[in-house]
């Protein structure tokens, strides 16, 4: 009779005085049983001792139902499935998703909540169906039957003789995916090893890793046919080019379709004719370009002659320790802005001339950036205008004669209007006579007379004079 399992007896709560406090004291984050004060130091038993007990088969890719025919709200905008969102979609990004087209909507996938342990996640046999292994057994059984039939047929042909080449035929038999890759790549035992073909010590070396002969002295242009080598020269390459040409004519739908196997003679003639036409067309195009632009050989010859010429120079040049010429002008580094850009027919850049806190062009002394250059005429005009504004020059006799003469009465009337009394304004001194105020051109050229200087000194007021403010008033303080 099976006895029931013993119930776990509670641990003793008697404290051992020899156990240090830092071991016996429970951490603040543990709410343990008060009966056992060393519960936090004991090995905690897992709720499920079987690590694979919670493992179950995760049927990846299982569909819940057939695919929908109409886009549903909340589904993936790319494929139309309700099991995930667009950012989690594993399908290729469509140009227009299922939300906008309503076509090719993917079926909903079964999403299982699987919480596996460490061992269950790494279980190689999770989800294995024993019945599926019957297919593997059937494949091996069929292969054994085929081998027996092949051996029986060879025995009948040899009239009972032993099949000495059984191992060779067995190695040549295609085992499909069940055969190891290393077995398929190994050489036959009857073949001579590659490193035994040439026993000369000075010859090429054999590399066992790549199974190839290494000869550093061999020319790279020389073709060496080894095992698994596909010929790419001679008649094989010519046949490959002819086949490709025939395929291209059929794909393009040309008028003269070529079939290399049906009529090889016609294919060769048509290909040769097309090659001649292409050559003539290429030569004519090359000739036209040479006639238009010239040949590169002529330019190369000129450059060669120029470089071959030796010129003598007696100029003394001295270099510093850095290899630079002493006294040479230092190259200025260019900035990120546009430099040496000439616009509007100017021969100098904007900012090359400065006067009176204004920037301008040095070629015409224009201070307007978008102005057109006037050259030397602009320089002379600007200089004359500046001198005239400062009173350093006067109009010439020709300009004075060309001036329009205004009648005396009209001039006096306009002057009287200008000299009307201004309210609350300072009274002007006595009006001078018109003859005295007007000075002729000859007087201006002669300069200032002594009488005019005396009059100026009398009427001049000084800022330091305390009575200057009382001039012109009727009453004094």
Protein backbone atom coordinates (compact mmCIF):
# COMPACT_ATOMS: atom_id res chain seq x y z
CA UNK A 1 0.00 0.00 0.00
CA UNK A 2 1.37 3.35 -1.09
CA UNK A 3 1.99 5.71 1.77
CA UNK A 4 1.00 9.37 1.39
CA UNK A 5 3.89 11.84 1.14
CA UNK A 6 5.07 13.32 4.37
CA UNK A 7 4.00 16.81 5.06
CA UNK A 8 6.82 19.27 5.34
CA UNK A 9 7.35 20.00 9.00
CA UNK A 10 7.73 23.65 9.95
CA UNK A 11 11.20 24.80 10.66
CA UNK A 12 12.22 25.57 14.17
CA UNK A 13 11.78 29.18 15.21
CA UNK A 14 14.34 28.98 17.95
CA UNK A 15 17.00 31.53 17.22
CA UNK A 16 20.61 30.47 17.21
CA UNK A 17 22.74 32.97 19.04
CA UNK A 18 25.83 31.97 17.11
CA UNK A 19 24.37 33.11 13.76
CA UNK A 20 25.36 36.74 13.02
CA UNK A 21 22.64 39.33 12.76
CA UNK A 22 23.47 40.27 9.17
CA UNK A 23 22.63 36.66 8.20
CA UNK A 24 19.64 36.11 10.43
CA UNK A 25 17.98 39.46 9.71
CA UNK A 26 15.47 39.40 6.84
CA UNK A 27 15.65 42.05 4.12
CA UNK A 28 12.94 44.67 4.12
CA UNK A 29 11.46 43.47 0.82
CA UNK A 30 10.69 39.92 2.06
CA UNK A 31 7.42 39.18 3.80
CA UNK A 32 8.23 35.71 5.05
CA UNK A 33 6.71 33.33 7.51
CA UNK A 34 7.17 34.26 11.13
CA UNK A 35 7.60 30.59 12.11
CA UNK A 36 10.97 30.29 10.34
CA UNK A 37 13.28 33.25 10.85
CA UNK A 38 15.89 31.77 8.44
CA UNK A 39 13.45 31.25 5.60
CA UNK A 40 15.25 33.78 3.40
CA UNK A 41 18.50 31.77 3.74
CA UNK A 42 17.01 28.40 2.76
CA UNK A 43 16.79 27.02 -0.79
CA UNK A 44 13.37 27.90 -2.13
CA UNK A 45 11.59 25.00 -3.78
CA UNK A 46 10.15 25.79 -7.22
CA UNK A 47 6.43 25.50 -7.70
CA UNK A 48 6.95 23.37 -10.77
CA UNK A 49 9.98 21.12 -10.47
CA UNK A 50 9.63 19.90 -14.06
CA UNK A 51 11.39 22.48 -16.32
CA UNK A 52 9.53 21.21 -19.38
CA UNK A 53 6.20 20.82 -17.66
CA UNK A 54 4.90 24.17 -18.88
CA UNK A 55 6.17 23.66 -22.42
CA UNK A 56 3.61 23.34 -25.16
CA UNK A 57 3.73 23.43 -28.89
CA UNK A 58 3.61 26.88 -30.45
CA UNK A 59 1.93 26.48 -33.81
CA UNK A 60 3.70 29.25 -35.67
CA UNK A 61 1.86 30.66 -38.67
CA UNK A 62 -1.50 29.07 -37.86
CA UNK A 63 -4.43 30.90 -39.43
CA UNK A 64 -7.55 31.61 -37.42
CA UNK A 65 -9.90 31.85 -40.38
CA UNK A 66 -9.79 32.40 -44.13
CA UNK A 67 -8.66 35.80 -45.35
CA UNK A 68 -11.20 38.59 -45.29
CA UNK A 69 -12.44 40.19 -48.48
CA UNK A 70 -12.83 43.68 -47.07
CA UNK A 71 -10.57 45.86 -44.98
CA UNK A 72 -11.58 45.98 -41.31
CA UNK A 73 -11.10 48.84 -38.94
CA UNK A 74 -8.08 48.42 -36.67
CA UNK A 75 -6.30 45.97 -38.96
CA UNK A 76 -2.78 46.31 -40.36
CA UNK A 77 -2.72 49.04 -42.99
CA UNK A 78 -0.13 47.14 -45.02
CA UNK A 79 -1.52 43.57 -45.28
CA UNK A 80 -4.97 43.86 -43.66
CA UNK A 81 -4.45 41.28 -40.87
CA UNK A 82 -6.04 41.87 -37.46
CA UNK A 83 -3.29 40.05 -35.55
CA UNK A 84 -0.74 42.89 -35.69
CA UNK A 85 -0.27 46.57 -36.52
CA UNK A 86 1.54 48.16 -39.45
CA UNK A 87 4.82 48.68 -37.58
CA UNK A 88 4.94 44.95 -36.66
CA UNK A 89 4.03 43.70 -40.15
CA UNK A 90 6.54 41.22 -41.60
CA UNK A 91 5.34 41.48 -45.19
CA UNK A 92 7.06 43.63 -47.76
CA UNK A 93 6.03 47.27 -47.63
CA UNK A 94 3.41 47.78 -50.33
CA UNK A 95 3.21 50.85 -52.50
CA UNK A 96 -0.46 51.16 -51.53
CA UNK A 97 -1.50 49.18 -48.49
CA UNK A 98 -4.56 46.99 -48.06
CA UNK A 99 -6.32 49.86 -46.32
CA UNK A 100 -6.34 51.90 -49.53
CA UNK A 101 -6.69 49.14 -52.16
CA UNK A 102 -8.80 46.56 -50.31
CA UNK A 103 -7.02 43.71 -52.15
CA UNK A 104 -4.74 40.83 -51.11
CA UNK A 105 -5.83 40.98 -47.47
CA UNK A 106 -3.83 38.55 -45.33
CA UNK A 107 -5.52 36.06 -43.02
CA UNK A 108 -5.50 36.54 -39.26
CA UNK A 109 -2.80 34.59 -37.44
CA UNK A 110 -3.34 32.74 -34.18
CA UNK A 111 -1.39 34.57 -31.48
CA UNK A 112 -0.78 32.28 -28.51
CA UNK A 113 0.30 33.39 -25.08
CA UNK A 114 3.20 31.01 -24.45
CA UNK A 115 5.26 31.44 -21.29
CA UNK A 116 8.11 28.97 -21.58
CA UNK A 117 10.94 28.33 -19.16
CA UNK A 118 14.62 28.42 -19.97
CA UNK A 119 14.77 24.71 -20.85
CA UNK A 120 11.48 24.73 -22.70
CA UNK A 121 12.63 27.53 -24.98
CA UNK A 122 15.67 25.44 -25.96
CA UNK A 123 13.90 22.10 -26.33
CA UNK A 124 14.88 20.75 -29.77
CA UNK A 125 12.03 18.24 -29.81
CA UNK A 126 9.27 20.65 -28.89
CA UNK A 127 6.41 20.11 -31.30
CA UNK A 128 7.90 16.97 -32.81
CA UNK A 129 5.39 14.54 -34.30
CA UNK A 130 6.58 10.95 -34.24
CA UNK A 131 4.34 10.03 -37.15
CA UNK A 132 6.20 12.39 -39.48
CA UNK A 133 9.37 10.32 -39.14
CA UNK A 134 7.72 7.60 -41.18
CA UNK A 135 8.34 9.66 -44.32
CA UNK A 136 12.08 9.68 -43.58
CA UNK A 137 12.07 5.90 -43.12
CA UNK A 138 10.20 5.50 -46.40
CA UNK A 139 12.80 7.59 -48.26
CA UNK A 140 15.64 5.44 -46.96
CA UNK A 141 13.79 2.24 -47.81
CA UNK A 142 13.19 3.42 -51.40
CA UNK A 143 16.88 4.33 -51.74
CA UNK A 144 17.94 0.86 -50.57
CA UNK A 145 15.62 -0.76 -53.11
CA UNK A 146 17.12 1.31 -55.93
CA UNK A 147 20.64 0.30 -54.87
CA UNK A 148 19.69 -3.38 -54.86
CA UNK A 149 18.17 -3.10 -58.34
CA UNK A 150 21.28 -1.36 -59.68
CA UNK A 151 23.57 -4.04 -58.24
CA UNK A 152 21.37 -6.84 -59.58
CA UNK A 153 21.43 -5.34 -63.09
CA UNK A 154 25.21 -5.06 -63.07
CA UNK A 155 25.54 -8.65 -61.93
CA UNK A 156 23.37 -9.84 -64.82
CA UNK A 157 25.51 -7.92 -67.35
CA UNK A 158 28.75 -9.27 -65.94
CA UNK A 159 27.36 -12.83 -65.91
CA UNK A 160 27.93 -13.43 -62.30
CA UNK A 161 31.27 -11.62 -62.00
CA UNK A 162 31.89 -9.65 -58.87
CA UNK A 163 31.27 -5.96 -59.16
CA UNK A 164 34.65 -4.44 -58.32
CA UNK A 165 33.41 -0.94 -58.99
CA UNK A 166 30.60 -1.09 -56.50
CA UNK A 167 32.15 1.51 -54.26
CA UNK A 168 32.64 3.86 -57.21
CA UNK A 169 29.02 3.58 -58.32
CA UNK A 170 27.89 4.01 -54.75
CA UNK A 171 29.87 7.24 -54.46
CA UNK A 172 28.45 8.52 -57.73
CA UNK A 173 24.87 7.82 -56.67
CA UNK A 174 23.02 11.02 -55.93
CA UNK A 175 21.84 10.81 -52.37
CA UNK A 176 19.93 14.09 -52.57
CA UNK A 177 19.60 16.22 -49.48
CA UNK A 178 20.26 13.24 -47.18
CA UNK A 179 23.91 13.06 -48.27
CA UNK A 180 26.46 15.23 -46.50
CA UNK A 181 28.02 18.12 -48.43
CA UNK A 182 31.53 16.93 -47.62
CA UNK A 183 30.78 13.51 -49.16
CA UNK A 184 29.62 15.01 -52.43
CA UNK A 185 32.68 17.24 -52.76
CA UNK A 186 35.31 14.60 -52.03
CA UNK A 187 37.27 13.16 -54.96
CA UNK A 188 36.99 9.57 -56.05
CA UNK A 189 39.53 7.26 -54.52
CA UNK A 190 40.52 6.00 -57.98
CA UNK A 191 41.59 9.47 -59.09
CA UNK A 192 45.18 10.58 -58.61
CA UNK A 193 45.62 13.18 -55.90
CA UNK A 194 46.28 16.65 -57.23
CA UNK A 195 49.44 17.09 -55.19
CA UNK A 196 50.87 13.95 -56.82
CA UNK A 197 50.46 15.15 -60.40
CA UNK A 198 53.58 17.30 -60.25
CA UNK A 199 56.38 16.23 -57.93
CA UNK A 200 58.80 18.98 -58.91
CA UNK A 201 59.89 20.90 -55.81
CA UNK A 202 60.30 24.13 -57.77
CA UNK A 203 56.84 24.01 -59.29
CA UNK A 204 53.54 25.33 -58.03
CA UNK A 205 52.38 24.72 -54.48
CA UNK A 206 49.20 22.92 -53.53
CA UNK A 207 46.78 24.66 -51.19
CA UNK A 208 44.77 21.94 -49.38
CA UNK A 209 42.23 24.40 -48.01
CA UNK A 210 41.03 25.62 -51.41
CA UNK A 211 42.15 22.45 -53.23
CA UNK A 212 43.94 24.49 -55.87
CA UNK A 213 47.47 24.88 -57.19
CA UNK A 214 49.23 28.10 -56.25
CA UNK A 215 51.88 29.33 -58.68
CA UNK A 216 53.04 32.91 -58.04
CA UNK A 217 55.25 32.84 -61.14
CA UNK A 218 52.41 31.96 -63.48
CA UNK A 219 51.19 34.86 -65.61
CA UNK A 220 47.77 36.14 -64.67
CA UNK A 221 46.77 36.26 -68.35
CA UNK A 222 47.38 32.53 -68.80
CA UNK A 223 44.28 30.38 -68.49
CA UNK A 224 44.66 27.26 -66.33
CA UNK A 225 41.87 24.69 -66.63
CA UNK A 226 41.36 22.93 -63.32
CA UNK A 227 38.59 20.85 -61.83
CA UNK A 228 35.21 22.51 -62.15
CA UNK A 229 36.62 25.08 -64.57
CA UNK A 230 34.21 26.47 -67.17
CA UNK A 231 35.91 27.30 -70.41
CA UNK A 232 35.59 30.97 -71.32
CA UNK A 233 37.89 31.14 -74.32
CA UNK A 234 38.22 29.69 -77.78
CA UNK A 235 35.25 28.03 -79.47
CA UNK A 236 33.39 27.62 -76.19
CA UNK A 237 33.28 31.38 -75.63
CA UNK A 238 32.32 31.98 -79.27
CA UNK A 239 29.48 29.48 -78.99
CA UNK A 240 28.29 31.19 -75.81
CA UNK A 241 28.22 34.59 -77.54
CA UNK A 242 26.36 33.14 -80.54
CA UNK A 243 23.74 31.56 -78.28
CA UNK A 244 23.25 34.81 -76.37
CA UNK A 245 22.85 36.72 -79.64
CA UNK A 246 20.20 34.26 -80.83
CA UNK A 247 18.28 34.57 -77.56
CA UNK A 248 18.35 38.37 -77.70
CA UNK A 249 16.96 38.45 -81.25
CA UNK A 250 14.06 36.23 -80.20
CA UNK A 251 13.34 38.29 -77.07
CA UNK A 252 13.35 41.57 -79.02
CA UNK A 253 11.15 40.11 -81.74
CA UNK A 254 13.46 41.12 -84.58
CA UNK A 255 12.53 40.58 -88.20
CA UNK A 256 15.35 38.06 -88.67
CA UNK A 257 14.87 35.73 -85.72
CA UNK A 258 17.81 33.40 -85.21
CA UNK A 259 17.61 29.81 -84.01
CA UNK A 260 21.10 28.48 -83.48
CA UNK A 261 20.14 24.80 -83.39
CA UNK A 262 17.63 24.87 -86.27
CA UNK A 263 19.80 26.76 -88.78
CA UNK A 264 23.32 27.37 -87.47
CA UNK A 265 24.69 28.55 -90.84
CA UNK A 266 22.13 31.34 -91.13
CA UNK A 267 22.74 32.31 -87.52
CA UNK A 268 26.49 32.66 -88.12
CA UNK A 269 26.02 34.70 -91.32
CA UNK A 270 23.45 37.07 -89.79
CA UNK A 271 25.62 37.58 -86.72
CA UNK A 272 28.67 38.33 -88.86
CA UNK A 273 26.69 40.79 -91.02
CA UNK A 274 25.39 42.62 -87.94
CA UNK A 275 28.91 42.80 -86.49
CA UNK A 276 30.19 44.38 -89.72
CA UNK A 277 27.36 46.93 -89.73
CA UNK A 278 28.04 47.86 -86.10
CA UNK A 279 31.75 48.27 -86.87
CA UNK A 280 31.06 50.56 -89.85
CA UNK A 281 28.62 52.63 -87.80
CA UNK A 282 31.11 52.95 -84.94
CA UNK A 283 33.92 54.02 -87.28
CA UNK A 284 31.74 56.64 -88.96
CA UNK A 285 30.69 58.05 -85.60
CA UNK A 286 34.31 58.14 -84.44
CA UNK A 287 35.36 59.92 -87.62
CA UNK A 288 32.61 62.53 -87.21
CA UNK A 289 33.75 63.25 -83.65
CA UNK A 290 37.38 63.56 -84.73
CA UNK A 291 36.46 65.97 -87.50
CA UNK A 292 34.44 68.08 -85.10
CA UNK A 293 36.63 68.11 -81.97
CA UNK A 294 40.02 66.90 -83.18
CA UNK A 295 42.14 64.01 -82.03
CA UNK A 296 43.59 63.57 -78.59
CA UNK A 297 46.91 62.48 -80.09
CA UNK A 298 47.58 65.94 -81.50
CA UNK A 299 46.97 67.56 -78.12
CA UNK A 300 49.18 64.97 -76.43
CA UNK A 301 51.99 65.62 -78.92
CA UNK A 302 51.82 69.37 -78.30
CA UNK A 303 51.92 68.85 -74.55
CA UNK A 304 54.85 66.45 -74.92
CA UNK A 305 56.81 68.95 -76.99
CA UNK A 306 56.07 71.73 -74.52
CA UNK A 307 57.15 69.62 -71.56
CA UNK A 308 60.28 68.38 -73.35
CA UNK A 309 61.53 71.92 -73.97
CA UNK A 310 64.20 73.13 -71.57
CA UNK A 311 64.16 76.82 -70.72
CA UNK A 312 66.97 78.64 -68.97
CA UNK A 313 66.34 81.37 -66.43
CA UNK A 314 68.91 83.50 -64.58
CA UNK A 315 66.48 84.71 -61.94
CA UNK A 316 67.86 84.15 -58.44
CA UNK A 317 65.43 82.38 -56.13
CA UNK A 318 66.04 81.70 -52.45
CA UNK A 319 64.04 79.22 -50.43
CA UNK A 320 63.38 79.07 -46.71
CA UNK A 321 63.54 76.04 -44.43
CA UNK A 322 59.97 75.07 -45.37
CA UNK A 323 60.74 74.99 -49.08
CA UNK A 324 58.83 78.17 -49.92
CA UNK A 325 60.23 81.05 -51.96
CA UNK A 326 61.43 83.91 -49.81
CA UNK A 327 59.74 87.24 -50.49
CA UNK A 328 56.93 85.66 -52.50
CA UNK A 329 53.45 87.06 -52.08
CA UNK A 330 51.48 85.07 -49.57
CA UNK A 331 48.40 83.47 -51.01
CA UNK A 332 45.22 84.62 -49.39
CA UNK A 333 42.84 81.94 -48.30
CA UNK A 334 39.44 82.19 -49.92
CA UNK A 335 36.40 82.45 -47.73
CA UNK A 336 33.06 80.72 -48.03
CA UNK A 337 31.59 83.75 -49.81
CA UNK A 338 31.78 84.54 -53.53
CA UNK A 339 35.04 86.25 -54.42
CA UNK A 340 36.37 87.89 -57.60
CA UNK A 341 32.90 87.98 -59.16
CA UNK A 342 32.58 90.87 -61.66
CA UNK A 343 29.06 92.05 -62.55
CA UNK A 344 27.49 94.78 -64.68
CA UNK A 345 30.61 95.36 -66.80
CA UNK A 346 32.73 96.35 -63.77
CA UNK A 347 36.46 95.60 -63.84
CA UNK A 348 36.75 95.53 -60.04
CA UNK A 349 34.71 93.91 -57.30
CA UNK A 350 32.29 95.60 -54.96
CA UNK A 351 34.12 96.96 -51.93
CA UNK A 352 37.39 97.67 -53.71
CA UNK A 353 36.94 101.44 -53.13
CA UNK A 354 35.97 103.30 -49.96
CA UNK A 355 35.38 107.00 -49.33
CA UNK A 356 33.34 109.00 -46.85
CA UNK A 357 32.24 105.84 -45.03
CA UNK A 358 30.84 104.37 -48.25
CA UNK A 359 31.90 101.31 -50.19
CA UNK A 360 31.99 101.25 -53.98
CA UNK A 361 33.76 100.15 -57.13
CA UNK A 362 37.35 101.24 -57.78
CA UNK A 363 36.84 101.25 -61.55
CA UNK A 364 34.16 103.98 -61.65
CA UNK A 365 33.80 105.16 -57.98
CA UNK A 366 30.14 104.17 -57.96
CA UNK A 367 28.63 103.59 -54.54
CA UNK A 368 25.53 101.79 -55.89
CA UNK A 369 26.13 98.05 -55.97
CA UNK A 370 23.75 97.23 -58.84
CA UNK A 371 24.90 100.13 -61.04
CA UNK A 372 26.57 99.67 -64.41
CA UNK A 373 30.20 100.63 -64.84
CA UNK A 374 30.84 104.01 -66.53
CA UNK A 375 34.62 103.65 -66.65
CA UNK A 376 36.92 106.68 -66.86
CA UNK A 377 34.02 108.98 -67.73
CA UNK A 378 32.37 108.12 -64.44
CA UNK A 379 35.61 108.83 -62.58
CA UNK A 380 35.92 112.28 -64.14
CA UNK A 381 32.25 113.09 -63.53
CA UNK A 382 32.48 112.04 -59.89
CA UNK A 383 35.64 114.08 -59.38
CA UNK A 384 34.12 117.21 -60.94
CA UNK A 385 30.94 116.85 -58.91
CA UNK A 386 32.94 116.57 -55.71
CA UNK A 387 35.07 119.62 -56.52
CA UNK A 388 32.02 121.66 -57.53
CA UNK A 389 30.20 120.74 -54.29
CA UNK A 390 33.18 122.02 -52.31
CA UNK A 391 33.39 125.22 -54.36
CA UNK A 392 36.81 124.41 -55.74
CA UNK A 393 35.67 124.75 -59.37
CA UNK A 394 33.19 126.98 -61.19
CA UNK A 395 31.20 126.52 -64.38
CA UNK A 396 33.11 127.31 -67.55
CA UNK A 397 32.32 130.28 -69.80
CA UNK A 398 30.49 128.04 -72.26
CA UNK A 399 28.24 126.69 -69.53
CA UNK A 400 27.58 130.23 -68.29
CA UNK A 401 26.58 131.36 -71.80
CA UNK A 402 24.25 128.42 -72.20
CA UNK A 403 22.43 129.32 -68.98
CA UNK A 404 18.91 130.74 -69.47
CA UNK A 405 18.62 134.44 -68.61
CA UNK A 406 15.68 135.31 -66.35
CA UNK A 407 14.07 138.81 -66.64
CA UNK A 408 14.85 141.20 -63.79
CA UNK A 409 11.24 141.79 -62.76
CA UNK A 410 10.48 138.08 -62.48
CA UNK A 411 13.65 137.48 -60.50
CA UNK A 412 12.85 140.34 -58.08
CA UNK A 413 9.28 139.09 -57.58
CA UNK A 414 10.42 135.57 -56.78
CA UNK A 415 13.05 136.91 -54.39
CA UNK A 416 10.47 139.02 -52.57
CA UNK A 417 8.23 135.97 -52.13
CA UNK A 418 11.12 134.06 -50.66
CA UNK A 419 12.01 136.90 -48.32
CA UNK A 420 8.55 137.31 -46.80
CA UNK A 421 8.45 137.90 -43.07
CA UNK A 422 8.27 134.71 -41.02
CA UNK A 423 6.20 135.00 -37.81
CA UNK A 424 8.26 134.89 -34.59
CA UNK A 425 11.39 134.89 -36.68
CA UNK A 426 14.55 136.90 -36.23
CA UNK A 427 14.54 140.10 -38.29
CA UNK A 428 17.08 140.09 -41.06
CA UNK A 429 19.56 142.97 -41.38
CA UNK A 430 19.13 145.60 -44.02
CA UNK A 431 18.71 144.25 -47.48
CA UNK A 432 21.61 144.83 -49.62
CA UNK A 433 21.13 146.29 -53.01
CA UNK A 434 20.93 143.87 -55.90
CA UNK A 435 24.07 145.35 -57.42
CA UNK A 436 26.04 144.78 -54.22
CA UNK A 437 24.70 141.25 -53.56
CA UNK A 438 25.34 139.97 -57.04
CA UNK A 439 28.88 139.23 -57.86
CA UNK A 440 30.05 138.74 -61.34
CA UNK A 441 32.06 135.77 -62.55
CA UNK A 442 35.19 137.88 -62.70
CA UNK A 443 34.79 138.89 -59.03
CA UNK A 444 34.35 135.25 -57.98
CA UNK A 445 37.52 134.30 -59.81
CA UNK A 446 39.41 137.27 -58.32
CA UNK A 447 38.70 136.14 -54.74
CA UNK A 448 37.61 138.03 -51.60
CA UNK A 449 38.41 141.76 -51.36
CA UNK A 450 39.63 143.66 -48.29
CA UNK A 451 36.31 145.55 -47.95
CA UNK A 452 34.35 142.31 -47.87
CA UNK A 453 36.60 140.89 -45.19
CA UNK A 454 36.15 144.06 -43.08
CA UNK A 455 32.38 143.82 -43.39
CA UNK A 456 32.48 140.14 -42.41
CA UNK A 457 34.47 140.91 -39.26
CA UNK A 458 31.96 143.56 -38.18
CA UNK A 459 28.90 141.36 -38.62
CA UNK A 460 30.50 138.19 -37.23
CA UNK A 461 29.24 137.17 -33.79
CA UNK A 462 31.18 135.19 -31.24
CA UNK A 463 29.62 132.51 -29.08
CA UNK A 464 31.68 133.68 -26.11
CA UNK A 465 30.27 137.23 -26.36
CA UNK A 466 27.68 137.69 -23.52
CA UNK A 467 25.88 140.46 -25.49
CA UNK A 468 25.54 138.38 -28.65
CA UNK A 469 22.07 137.24 -27.61
CA UNK A 470 20.86 140.88 -27.30
CA UNK A 471 21.69 141.87 -30.88
CA UNK A 472 18.66 142.76 -32.97
CA UNK A 473 16.34 143.42 -30.02
CA UNK A 474 14.57 146.78 -29.47
CA UNK A 475 14.96 146.88 -25.67
CA UNK A 476 17.93 146.16 -23.52
CA UNK A 477 17.81 144.81 -20.00
